[in-house]
Every structure is written in C-alpha cells, then in structure tokens.
Amino acid sequence: MFFVRPDGRPWHPNAVTQRFRRLVKQAGLPPIRLHDLCHGAATLALDAGVDIKVVSDQLGHSTTTLTRDTYQSVVKRLHR
C-alpha cells in the first residue's frame, strides 16, 4: 500500500501505522495490523468470485500460485 498526503507527497510508513493504531484504539477495536486488512480484502475478494489473477496483482504477488497457497485454505467454499 502507498499513502499520499493531499498535496501528493508520500506519508512515511511509520506515520501511517501509528495513525492506524490510534484510529483502531479510538474505535474500540481489537488490535489489528494494516497488513491484516490486505488478508481480509483478499479473502473476501476470492470468496466473492474475483479472479485469482486480479487478486494476485492487487496484492503484488509475483505468481498466482503464491496467492492460491496463501488464501485458498482460508475460505472453505474455495475448496469445492
């Protein structure tokens, strides 16, 4: 993921992480990492029928095999 300020300058990754942690805490949510959101989004996309190549590209994986190996076991419907 890449985050930019309104003027287009990049945010430092640590600043994004710290801000995210504060927002999670303020919302009363259990601890979660930004990286966990990628896993959740990929799982939901695959469960919704999004093509494995599209999800793999969005995640920046070098191959669809990596995506399959990582996410296929997560959603039981994908086993069918």
N, C-alpha and C. Protein backbone atom coordinates (compact mmCIF):
# COMPACT_ATOMS: atom_id res chain seq x y z
N MET A 1 0.84 -1.17 0.00
CA MET A 1 0.00 0.00 0.00
C MET A 1 0.88 1.23 0.00
N PHE A 2 0.36 2.28 -0.58
CA PHE A 2 1.09 3.52 -0.66
C PHE A 2 0.13 4.65 -0.32
N PHE A 3 0.46 5.44 0.67
CA PHE A 3 -0.41 6.52 1.11
C PHE A 3 0.22 7.86 0.81
N VAL A 4 -0.59 8.78 0.30
CA VAL A 4 -0.08 10.11 -0.01
C VAL A 4 -0.92 11.17 0.71
N ARG A 5 -0.29 12.31 0.92
CA ARG A 5 -0.95 13.47 1.53
C ARG A 5 -1.80 14.15 0.45
N PRO A 6 -2.67 15.06 0.84
CA PRO A 6 -3.49 15.76 -0.16
C PRO A 6 -2.68 16.44 -1.27
N ASP A 7 -1.44 16.84 -0.93
CA ASP A 7 -0.61 17.51 -1.95
C ASP A 7 0.21 16.52 -2.78
N GLY A 8 0.03 15.22 -2.54
CA GLY A 8 0.71 14.20 -3.34
C GLY A 8 2.01 13.68 -2.75
N ARG A 9 2.50 14.34 -1.69
CA ARG A 9 3.72 13.84 -1.06
C ARG A 9 3.42 12.56 -0.28
N PRO A 10 4.36 11.61 -0.26
CA PRO A 10 4.10 10.34 0.44
C PRO A 10 4.16 10.50 1.95
N TRP A 11 3.35 9.69 2.62
CA TRP A 11 3.43 9.59 4.08
C TRP A 11 4.53 8.58 4.39
N HIS A 12 5.23 8.80 5.47
CA HIS A 12 6.21 7.82 5.93
C HIS A 12 5.43 6.62 6.47
N PRO A 13 5.84 5.39 6.14
CA PRO A 13 5.10 4.21 6.59
C PRO A 13 4.84 4.18 8.09
N ASN A 14 5.81 4.62 8.90
CA ASN A 14 5.61 4.61 10.35
C ASN A 14 4.50 5.56 10.77
N ALA A 15 4.37 6.69 10.09
CA ALA A 15 3.31 7.64 10.41
C ALA A 15 1.94 7.03 10.10
N VAL A 16 1.86 6.31 9.00
CA VAL A 16 0.59 5.66 8.63
C VAL A 16 0.23 4.60 9.66
N THR A 17 1.22 3.79 10.05
CA THR A 17 0.99 2.74 11.03
C THR A 17 0.54 3.31 12.36
N GLN A 18 1.21 4.34 12.83
CA GLN A 18 0.84 4.96 14.11
C GLN A 18 -0.56 5.54 14.06
N ARG A 19 -0.89 6.21 12.98
CA ARG A 19 -2.24 6.79 12.83
C ARG A 19 -3.29 5.68 12.81
N PHE A 20 -3.02 4.61 12.10
CA PHE A 20 -3.96 3.49 12.03
C PHE A 20 -4.17 2.88 13.42
N ARG A 21 -3.09 2.69 14.16
CA ARG A 21 -3.21 2.14 15.52
C ARG A 21 -4.08 3.03 16.41
N ARG A 22 -3.88 4.34 16.31
CA ARG A 22 -4.70 5.27 17.10
C ARG A 22 -6.17 5.16 16.73
N LEU A 23 -6.47 5.10 15.44
CA LEU A 23 -7.85 5.00 14.99
C LEU A 23 -8.50 3.71 15.45
N VAL A 24 -7.75 2.61 15.39
CA VAL A 24 -8.27 1.32 15.85
C VAL A 24 -8.59 1.39 17.34
N LYS A 25 -7.67 1.97 18.11
CA LYS A 25 -7.87 2.08 19.56
C LYS A 25 -9.06 2.98 19.87
N GLN A 26 -9.16 4.12 19.19
CA GLN A 26 -10.27 5.05 19.41
C GLN A 26 -11.61 4.41 19.07
N ALA A 27 -11.62 3.52 18.11
CA ALA A 27 -12.85 2.85 17.71
C ALA A 27 -13.20 1.69 18.64
N GLY A 28 -12.30 1.38 19.57
CA GLY A 28 -12.56 0.29 20.50
C GLY A 28 -12.43 -1.09 19.87
N LEU A 29 -11.67 -1.18 18.80
CA LEU A 29 -11.49 -2.46 18.11
C LEU A 29 -10.30 -3.22 18.70
N PRO A 30 -10.27 -4.53 18.53
CA PRO A 30 -9.09 -5.28 18.97
C PRO A 30 -7.91 -4.90 18.09
N PRO A 31 -6.70 -5.10 18.60
CA PRO A 31 -5.51 -4.76 17.79
C PRO A 31 -5.53 -5.48 16.44
N ILE A 32 -5.22 -4.74 15.39
CA ILE A 32 -5.15 -5.29 14.04
C ILE A 32 -4.08 -4.50 13.29
N ARG A 33 -3.39 -5.18 12.40
CA ARG A 33 -2.35 -4.52 11.60
C ARG A 33 -2.92 -4.15 10.24
N LEU A 34 -2.33 -3.15 9.61
CA LEU A 34 -2.72 -2.80 8.24
C LEU A 34 -2.58 -4.01 7.33
N HIS A 35 -1.54 -4.79 7.54
CA HIS A 35 -1.31 -5.98 6.72
C HIS A 35 -2.48 -6.96 6.83
N ASP A 36 -3.09 -7.03 8.02
CA ASP A 36 -4.24 -7.90 8.22
C ASP A 36 -5.40 -7.49 7.32
N LEU A 37 -5.52 -6.21 7.03
CA LEU A 37 -6.59 -5.73 6.15
C LEU A 37 -6.39 -6.27 4.73
N CYS A 38 -5.15 -6.40 4.31
CA CYS A 38 -4.88 -6.98 2.98
C CYS A 38 -5.36 -8.42 2.93
N HIS A 39 -5.07 -9.17 3.98
CA HIS A 39 -5.52 -10.56 4.03
C HIS A 39 -7.04 -10.64 3.99
N GLY A 40 -7.67 -9.78 4.76
CA GLY A 40 -9.14 -9.77 4.79
C GLY A 40 -9.73 -9.43 3.44
N ALA A 41 -9.17 -8.40 2.80
CA ALA A 41 -9.68 -7.98 1.49
C ALA A 41 -9.48 -9.08 0.45
N ALA A 42 -8.33 -9.73 0.47
CA ALA A 42 -8.07 -10.80 -0.49
C ALA A 42 -9.01 -11.97 -0.27
N THR A 43 -9.23 -12.33 0.97
CA THR A 43 -10.13 -13.43 1.29
C THR A 43 -11.55 -13.13 0.82
N LEU A 44 -12.01 -11.92 1.11
CA LEU A 44 -13.37 -11.54 0.69
C LEU A 44 -13.49 -11.49 -0.83
N ALA A 45 -12.44 -10.98 -1.50
CA ALA A 45 -12.48 -10.91 -2.96
C ALA A 45 -12.56 -12.30 -3.58
N LEU A 46 -11.74 -13.21 -3.09
CA LEU A 46 -11.76 -14.57 -3.62
C LEU A 46 -13.09 -15.25 -3.32
N ASP A 47 -13.61 -15.02 -2.14
CA ASP A 47 -14.91 -15.59 -1.77
C ASP A 47 -16.02 -15.05 -2.66
N ALA A 48 -15.87 -13.81 -3.11
CA ALA A 48 -16.88 -13.18 -3.96
C ALA A 48 -16.73 -13.57 -5.42
N GLY A 49 -15.69 -14.35 -5.73
CA GLY A 49 -15.52 -14.82 -7.10
C GLY A 49 -14.58 -14.00 -7.96
N VAL A 50 -13.85 -13.06 -7.35
CA VAL A 50 -12.88 -12.29 -8.12
C VAL A 50 -11.79 -13.24 -8.60
N ASP A 51 -11.40 -13.10 -9.85
CA ASP A 51 -10.40 -13.97 -10.45
C ASP A 51 -9.09 -13.93 -9.66
N ILE A 52 -8.47 -15.08 -9.50
CA ILE A 52 -7.24 -15.22 -8.73
C ILE A 52 -6.13 -14.31 -9.27
N LYS A 53 -6.08 -14.12 -10.58
CA LYS A 53 -5.06 -13.25 -11.19
C LYS A 53 -5.26 -11.80 -10.77
N VAL A 54 -6.50 -11.36 -10.70
CA VAL A 54 -6.79 -9.98 -10.28
C VAL A 54 -6.36 -9.77 -8.84
N VAL A 55 -6.72 -10.70 -7.97
CA VAL A 55 -6.35 -10.60 -6.55
C VAL A 55 -4.83 -10.65 -6.40
N SER A 56 -4.19 -11.54 -7.12
CA SER A 56 -2.74 -11.67 -7.06
C SER A 56 -2.06 -10.37 -7.48
N ASP A 57 -2.55 -9.76 -8.54
CA ASP A 57 -1.99 -8.48 -9.00
C ASP A 57 -2.20 -7.38 -7.97
N GLN A 58 -3.38 -7.33 -7.38
CA GLN A 58 -3.68 -6.30 -6.37
C GLN A 58 -2.78 -6.43 -5.15
N LEU A 59 -2.45 -7.66 -4.80
CA LEU A 59 -1.59 -7.90 -3.64
C LEU A 59 -0.11 -7.73 -3.96
N GLY A 60 0.21 -7.66 -5.24
CA GLY A 60 1.61 -7.52 -5.64
C GLY A 60 2.37 -8.83 -5.59
N HIS A 61 1.65 -9.95 -5.64
CA HIS A 61 2.31 -11.25 -5.64
C HIS A 61 2.95 -11.51 -7.00
N SER A 62 4.06 -12.22 -6.97
CA SER A 62 4.78 -12.50 -8.22
C SER A 62 4.08 -13.57 -9.05
N THR A 63 3.34 -14.46 -8.39
CA THR A 63 2.62 -15.52 -9.10
C THR A 63 1.27 -15.76 -8.45
N THR A 64 0.36 -16.33 -9.24
CA THR A 64 -0.94 -16.69 -8.67
C THR A 64 -0.80 -17.90 -7.74
N THR A 65 0.25 -18.66 -7.92
CA THR A 65 0.49 -19.81 -7.04
C THR A 65 0.68 -19.34 -5.59
N LEU A 66 1.42 -18.28 -5.41
CA LEU A 66 1.61 -17.72 -4.06
C LEU A 66 0.27 -17.31 -3.47
N THR A 67 -0.55 -16.66 -4.26
CA THR A 67 -1.87 -16.23 -3.79
C THR A 67 -2.73 -17.43 -3.43
N ARG A 68 -2.75 -18.43 -4.30
CA ARG A 68 -3.54 -19.64 -4.03
C ARG A 68 -3.07 -20.33 -2.76
N ASP A 69 -1.76 -20.50 -2.64
CA ASP A 69 -1.21 -21.20 -1.46
C ASP A 69 -1.52 -20.45 -0.17
N THR A 70 -1.57 -19.14 -0.24
CA THR A 70 -1.80 -18.33 0.95
C THR A 70 -3.27 -18.26 1.33
N TYR A 71 -4.17 -18.14 0.34
CA TYR A 71 -5.56 -17.81 0.63
C TYR A 71 -6.57 -18.91 0.37
N GLN A 72 -6.24 -19.88 -0.43
CA GLN A 72 -7.24 -20.87 -0.81
C GLN A 72 -7.76 -21.64 0.40
N SER A 73 -6.93 -21.93 1.37
CA SER A 73 -7.39 -22.70 2.52
C SER A 73 -8.21 -21.86 3.49
N VAL A 74 -8.19 -20.56 3.32
CA VAL A 74 -8.90 -19.67 4.25
C VAL A 74 -10.41 -19.74 4.05
N VAL A 75 -10.85 -19.77 2.82
CA VAL A 75 -12.28 -19.78 2.53
C VAL A 75 -12.68 -21.18 2.10
N LYS A 76 -13.46 -21.83 2.89
CA LYS A 76 -13.81 -23.24 2.65
C LYS A 76 -14.52 -23.45 1.31
N ARG A 77 -15.30 -22.46 0.89
CA ARG A 77 -16.02 -22.62 -0.39
C ARG A 77 -15.05 -22.73 -1.56
N LEU A 78 -13.84 -22.22 -1.40
CA LEU A 78 -12.87 -22.30 -2.48
C LEU A 78 -12.34 -23.71 -2.67
N HIS A 79 -12.55 -24.58 -1.70
CA HIS A 79 -12.12 -25.96 -1.83
C HIS A 79 -13.00 -26.74 -2.80
N ARG A 80 -14.24 -26.29 -2.99
CA ARG A 80 -15.17 -27.01 -3.87
C ARG A 80 -14.85 -26.78 -5.33
